[in-house]
Amino acid sequence: MAVAIDIDSCIACGACAEACPNDALEVDDYAEVDEDACIECGICVDTCPVEAISL
């Protein structure tokens, strides 16, 4: 199971996408996860300033 994004809380800042070592996140109106690329490292969870990402 990849990370979960709370799209109502996501502010589309892009911090998670920049921090992701596998380029598994893309941000437009909110962050979206490529579950095939996600390795569940948790870096995006720690990076999100509004706690919109969880494992």
PDB file of N, CA and C in Angstrom:
ATOM      1  N   MET A   1       0.843  -1.183   0.000  1.00  0.00           N
ATOM      2  CA  MET A   1       0.000   0.000   0.000  1.00  0.00           C
ATOM      3  C   MET A   1       0.885   1.242   0.000  1.00  0.00           C
ATOM      4  N   ALA A   2       0.670   2.117  -0.929  1.00  0.00           N
ATOM      5  CA  ALA A   2       1.459   3.345  -1.035  1.00  0.00           C
ATOM      6  C   ALA A   2       0.929   4.388  -0.051  1.00  0.00           C
ATOM      7  N   VAL A   3       1.556   5.524  -0.044  1.00  0.00           N
ATOM      8  CA  VAL A   3       1.115   6.596   0.831  1.00  0.00           C
ATOM      9  C   VAL A   3      -0.280   7.077   0.424  1.00  0.00           C
ATOM     10  N   ALA A   4      -0.976   7.656   1.385  1.00  0.00           N
ATOM     11  CA  ALA A   4      -2.307   8.204   1.128  1.00  0.00           C
ATOM     12  C   ALA A   4      -2.231   9.721   1.211  1.00  0.00           C
ATOM     13  N   ILE A   5      -2.890  10.384   0.274  1.00  0.00           N
ATOM     14  CA  ILE A   5      -2.919  11.843   0.231  1.00  0.00           C
ATOM     15  C   ILE A   5      -4.304  12.313   0.617  1.00  0.00           C
ATOM     16  N   ASP A   6      -4.373  13.210   1.595  1.00  0.00           N
ATOM     17  CA  ASP A   6      -5.643  13.848   1.951  1.00  0.00           C
ATOM     18  C   ASP A   6      -5.775  15.059   1.027  1.00  0.00           C
ATOM     19  N   ILE A   7      -6.530  14.914  -0.047  1.00  0.00           N
ATOM     20  CA  ILE A   7      -6.598  15.968  -1.061  1.00  0.00           C
ATOM     21  C   ILE A   7      -7.269  17.237  -0.549  1.00  0.00           C
ATOM     22  N   ASP A   8      -8.055  17.121   0.512  1.00  0.00           N
ATOM     23  CA  ASP A   8      -8.678  18.315   1.095  1.00  0.00           C
ATOM     24  C   ASP A   8      -7.667  19.137   1.899  1.00  0.00           C
ATOM     25  N   SER A   9      -6.642  18.473   2.423  1.00  0.00           N
ATOM     26  CA  SER A   9      -5.614  19.166   3.206  1.00  0.00           C
ATOM     27  C   SER A   9      -4.416  19.601   2.378  1.00  0.00           C
ATOM     28  N   CYS A  10      -4.169  18.911   1.267  1.00  0.00           N
ATOM     29  CA  CYS A  10      -3.001  19.192   0.429  1.00  0.00           C
ATOM     30  C   CYS A  10      -3.069  20.616  -0.139  1.00  0.00           C
ATOM     31  N   ILE A  11      -1.958  21.337   0.002  1.00  0.00           N
ATOM     32  CA  ILE A  11      -1.890  22.710  -0.512  1.00  0.00           C
ATOM     33  C   ILE A  11      -1.080  22.799  -1.805  1.00  0.00           C
ATOM     34  N   ALA A  12      -0.733  21.648  -2.370  1.00  0.00           N
ATOM     35  CA  ALA A  12      -0.012  21.564  -3.650  1.00  0.00           C
ATOM     36  C   ALA A  12       1.285  22.366  -3.650  1.00  0.00           C
ATOM     37  N   CYS A  13       2.007  22.312  -2.533  1.00  0.00           N
ATOM     38  CA  CYS A  13       3.260  23.067  -2.432  1.00  0.00           C
ATOM     39  C   CYS A  13       4.408  22.409  -3.191  1.00  0.00           C
ATOM     40  N   GLY A  14       4.322  21.075  -3.388  1.00  0.00           N
ATOM     41  CA  GLY A  14       5.358  20.369  -4.122  1.00  0.00           C
ATOM     42  C   GLY A  14       6.516  19.865  -3.289  1.00  0.00           C
ATOM     43  N   ALA A  15       6.502  20.119  -1.994  1.00  0.00           N
ATOM     44  CA  ALA A  15       7.609  19.679  -1.140  1.00  0.00           C
ATOM     45  C   ALA A  15       7.781  18.169  -1.172  1.00  0.00           C
ATOM     46  N   CYS A  16       6.686  17.448  -1.200  1.00  0.00           N
ATOM     47  CA  CYS A  16       6.755  15.981  -1.221  1.00  0.00           C
ATOM     48  C   CYS A  16       7.389  15.477  -2.508  1.00  0.00           C
ATOM     49  N   ALA A  17       6.995  16.053  -3.620  1.00  0.00           N
ATOM     50  CA  ALA A  17       7.526  15.633  -4.923  1.00  0.00           C
ATOM     51  C   ALA A  17       9.026  15.918  -5.017  1.00  0.00           C
ATOM     52  N   GLU A  18       9.450  17.056  -4.486  1.00  0.00           N
ATOM     53  CA  GLU A  18      10.869  17.398  -4.503  1.00  0.00           C
ATOM     54  C   GLU A  18      11.682  16.460  -3.626  1.00  0.00           C
ATOM     55  N   ALA A  19      11.097  16.006  -2.519  1.00  0.00           N
ATOM     56  CA  ALA A  19      11.818  15.161  -1.567  1.00  0.00           C
ATOM     57  C   ALA A  19      11.826  13.691  -1.959  1.00  0.00           C
ATOM     58  N   CYS A  20      10.898  13.268  -2.787  1.00  0.00           N
ATOM     59  CA  CYS A  20      10.751  11.848  -3.122  1.00  0.00           C
ATOM     60  C   CYS A  20      11.956  11.323  -3.910  1.00  0.00           C
ATOM     61  N   PRO A  21      12.627  10.289  -3.391  1.00  0.00           N
ATOM     62  CA  PRO A  21      13.802   9.756  -4.085  1.00  0.00           C
ATOM     63  C   PRO A  21      13.461   8.938  -5.340  1.00  0.00           C
ATOM     64  N   ASN A  22      12.193   8.574  -5.508  1.00  0.00           N
ATOM     65  CA  ASN A  22      11.798   7.752  -6.650  1.00  0.00           C
ATOM     66  C   ASN A  22      10.896   8.481  -7.638  1.00  0.00           C
ATOM     67  N   ASP A  23      10.737   9.775  -7.474  1.00  0.00           N
ATOM     68  CA  ASP A  23       9.851  10.558  -8.340  1.00  0.00           C
ATOM     69  C   ASP A  23       8.456   9.926  -8.419  1.00  0.00           C
ATOM     70  N   ALA A  24       7.950   9.482  -7.271  1.00  0.00           N
ATOM     71  CA  ALA A  24       6.661   8.794  -7.223  1.00  0.00           C
ATOM     72  C   ALA A  24       5.492   9.742  -6.977  1.00  0.00           C
ATOM     73  N   LEU A  25       5.776  11.018  -6.842  1.00  0.00           N
ATOM     74  CA  LEU A  25       4.722  12.002  -6.582  1.00  0.00           C
ATOM     75  C   LEU A  25       4.695  13.059  -7.667  1.00  0.00           C
ATOM     76  N   GLU A  26       3.495  13.436  -8.046  1.00  0.00           N
ATOM     77  CA  GLU A  26       3.282  14.512  -9.017  1.00  0.00           C
ATOM     78  C   GLU A  26       2.257  15.461  -8.412  1.00  0.00           C
ATOM     79  N   VAL A  27       2.476  16.745  -8.581  1.00  0.00           N
ATOM     80  CA  VAL A  27       1.587  17.726  -7.974  1.00  0.00           C
ATOM     81  C   VAL A  27       1.007  18.650  -9.039  1.00  0.00           C
ATOM     82  N   ASP A  28      -0.314  18.695  -9.088  1.00  0.00           N
ATOM     83  CA  ASP A  28      -1.045  19.674  -9.893  1.00  0.00           C
ATOM     84  C   ASP A  28      -1.920  20.455  -8.920  1.00  0.00           C
ATOM     85  N   ASP A  29      -3.190  20.131  -8.843  1.00  0.00           N
ATOM     86  CA  ASP A  29      -4.067  20.760  -7.855  1.00  0.00           C
ATOM     87  C   ASP A  29      -3.845  20.166  -6.471  1.00  0.00           C
ATOM     88  N   TYR A  30      -3.332  18.952  -6.428  1.00  0.00           N
ATOM     89  CA  TYR A  30      -2.965  18.256  -5.195  1.00  0.00           C
ATOM     90  C   TYR A  30      -1.971  17.154  -5.562  1.00  0.00           C
ATOM     91  N   ALA A  31      -1.305  16.602  -4.582  1.00  0.00           N
ATOM     92  CA  ALA A  31      -0.312  15.558  -4.825  1.00  0.00           C
ATOM     93  C   ALA A  31      -0.988  14.248  -5.196  1.00  0.00           C
ATOM     94  N   GLU A  32      -0.378  13.536  -6.136  1.00  0.00           N
ATOM     95  CA  GLU A  32      -0.849  12.213  -6.524  1.00  0.00           C
ATOM     96  C   GLU A  32       0.340  11.264  -6.498  1.00  0.00           C
ATOM     97  N   VAL A  33       0.091  10.029  -6.069  1.00  0.00           N
ATOM     98  CA  VAL A  33       1.153   9.036  -5.908  1.00  0.00           C
ATOM     99  C   VAL A  33       1.101   8.000  -7.023  1.00  0.00           C
ATOM    100  N   ASP A  34       2.262   7.715  -7.593  1.00  0.00           N
ATOM    101  CA  ASP A  34       2.406   6.593  -8.521  1.00  0.00           C
ATOM    102  C   ASP A  34       2.717   5.387  -7.645  1.00  0.00           C
ATOM    103  N   GLU A  35       1.712   4.560  -7.386  1.00  0.00           N
ATOM    104  CA  GLU A  35       1.873   3.445  -6.463  1.00  0.00           C
ATOM    105  C   GLU A  35       2.924   2.439  -6.913  1.00  0.00           C
ATOM    106  N   ASP A  36       3.158   2.333  -8.203  1.00  0.00           N
ATOM    107  CA  ASP A  36       4.182   1.419  -8.702  1.00  0.00           C
ATOM    108  C   ASP A  36       5.583   1.924  -8.391  1.00  0.00           C
ATOM    109  N   ALA A  37       5.753   3.232  -8.330  1.00  0.00           N
ATOM    110  CA  ALA A  37       7.069   3.811  -8.071  1.00  0.00           C
ATOM    111  C   ALA A  37       7.338   4.038  -6.579  1.00  0.00           C
ATOM    112  N   CYS A  38       6.277   4.138  -5.788  1.00  0.00           N
ATOM    113  CA  CYS A  38       6.420   4.427  -4.356  1.00  0.00           C
ATOM    114  C   CYS A  38       7.057   3.250  -3.623  1.00  0.00           C
ATOM    115  N   ILE A  39       8.090   3.549  -2.828  1.00  0.00           N
ATOM    116  CA  ILE A  39       8.765   2.516  -2.041  1.00  0.00           C
ATOM    117  C   ILE A  39       8.421   2.631  -0.555  1.00  0.00           C
ATOM    118  N   GLU A  40       7.458   3.487  -0.236  1.00  0.00           N
ATOM    119  CA  GLU A  40       6.973   3.676   1.133  1.00  0.00           C
ATOM    120  C   GLU A  40       8.083   4.037   2.109  1.00  0.00           C
ATOM    121  N   CYS A  41       8.982   4.915   1.684  1.00  0.00           N
ATOM    122  CA  CYS A  41      10.099   5.312   2.541  1.00  0.00           C
ATOM    123  C   CYS A  41       9.677   6.306   3.625  1.00  0.00           C
ATOM    124  N   GLY A  42       8.583   7.044   3.383  1.00  0.00           N
ATOM    125  CA  GLY A  42       8.069   7.975   4.375  1.00  0.00           C
ATOM    126  C   GLY A  42       8.660   9.377   4.323  1.00  0.00           C
ATOM    127  N   ILE A  43       9.564   9.618   3.403  1.00  0.00           N
ATOM    128  CA  ILE A  43      10.175  10.949   3.317  1.00  0.00           C
ATOM    129  C   ILE A  43       9.115  12.011   3.031  1.00  0.00           C
ATOM    130  N   CYS A  44       8.173  11.701   2.164  1.00  0.00           N
ATOM    131  CA  CYS A  44       7.120  12.666   1.840  1.00  0.00           C
ATOM    132  C   CYS A  44       6.239  12.969   3.048  1.00  0.00           C
ATOM    133  N   VAL A  45       6.004  11.951   3.868  1.00  0.00           N
ATOM    134  CA  VAL A  45       5.191  12.135   5.080  1.00  0.00           C
ATOM    135  C   VAL A  45       5.879  13.138   6.003  1.00  0.00           C
ATOM    136  N   ASP A  46       7.184  12.961   6.184  1.00  0.00           N
ATOM    137  CA  ASP A  46       7.951  13.857   7.057  1.00  0.00           C
ATOM    138  C   ASP A  46       8.094  15.252   6.466  1.00  0.00           C
ATOM    139  N   THR A  47       8.055  15.364   5.151  1.00  0.00           N
ATOM    140  CA  THR A  47       8.275  16.638   4.466  1.00  0.00           C
ATOM    141  C   THR A  47       7.027  17.503   4.380  1.00  0.00           C
ATOM    142  N   CYS A  48       5.854  16.896   4.340  1.00  0.00           N
ATOM    143  CA  CYS A  48       4.616  17.649   4.133  1.00  0.00           C
ATOM    144  C   CYS A  48       4.360  18.644   5.275  1.00  0.00           C
ATOM    145  N   PRO A  49       4.261  19.935   4.947  1.00  0.00           N
ATOM    146  CA  PRO A  49       4.085  20.949   5.987  1.00  0.00           C
ATOM    147  C   PRO A  49       2.687  20.985   6.593  1.00  0.00           C
ATOM    148  N   VAL A  50       1.716  20.360   5.939  1.00  0.00           N
ATOM    149  CA  VAL A  50       0.342  20.385   6.455  1.00  0.00           C
ATOM    150  C   VAL A  50      -0.154  18.989   6.849  1.00  0.00           C
ATOM    151  N   GLU A  51       0.758  18.028   6.913  1.00  0.00           N
ATOM    152  CA  GLU A  51       0.443  16.655   7.323  1.00  0.00           C
ATOM    153  C   GLU A  51      -0.685  16.045   6.498  1.00  0.00           C
ATOM    154  N   ALA A  52      -0.644  16.261   5.173  1.00  0.00           N
ATOM    155  CA  ALA A  52      -1.677  15.742   4.272  1.00  0.00           C
ATOM    156  C   ALA A  52      -1.326  14.354   3.736  1.00  0.00           C
ATOM    157  N   ILE A  53      -0.178  13.813   4.125  1.00  0.00           N
ATOM    158  CA  ILE A  53       0.277  12.528   3.615  1.00  0.00           C
ATOM    159  C   ILE A  53       0.456  11.565   4.779  1.00  0.00           C
ATOM    160  N   SER A  54       0.006  10.337   4.580  1.00  0.00           N
ATOM    161  CA  SER A  54       0.185   9.308   5.615  1.00  0.00           C
ATOM    162  C   SER A  54       0.540   7.982   4.966  1.00  0.00           C
ATOM    163  N   LEU A  55       1.139   7.115   5.759  1.00  0.00           N
ATOM    164  CA  LEU A  55       1.456   5.759   5.303  1.00  0.00           C
ATOM    165  C   LEU A  55       0.425   4.793   5.861  1.00  0.00           C
TER     166      LEU A  55
END
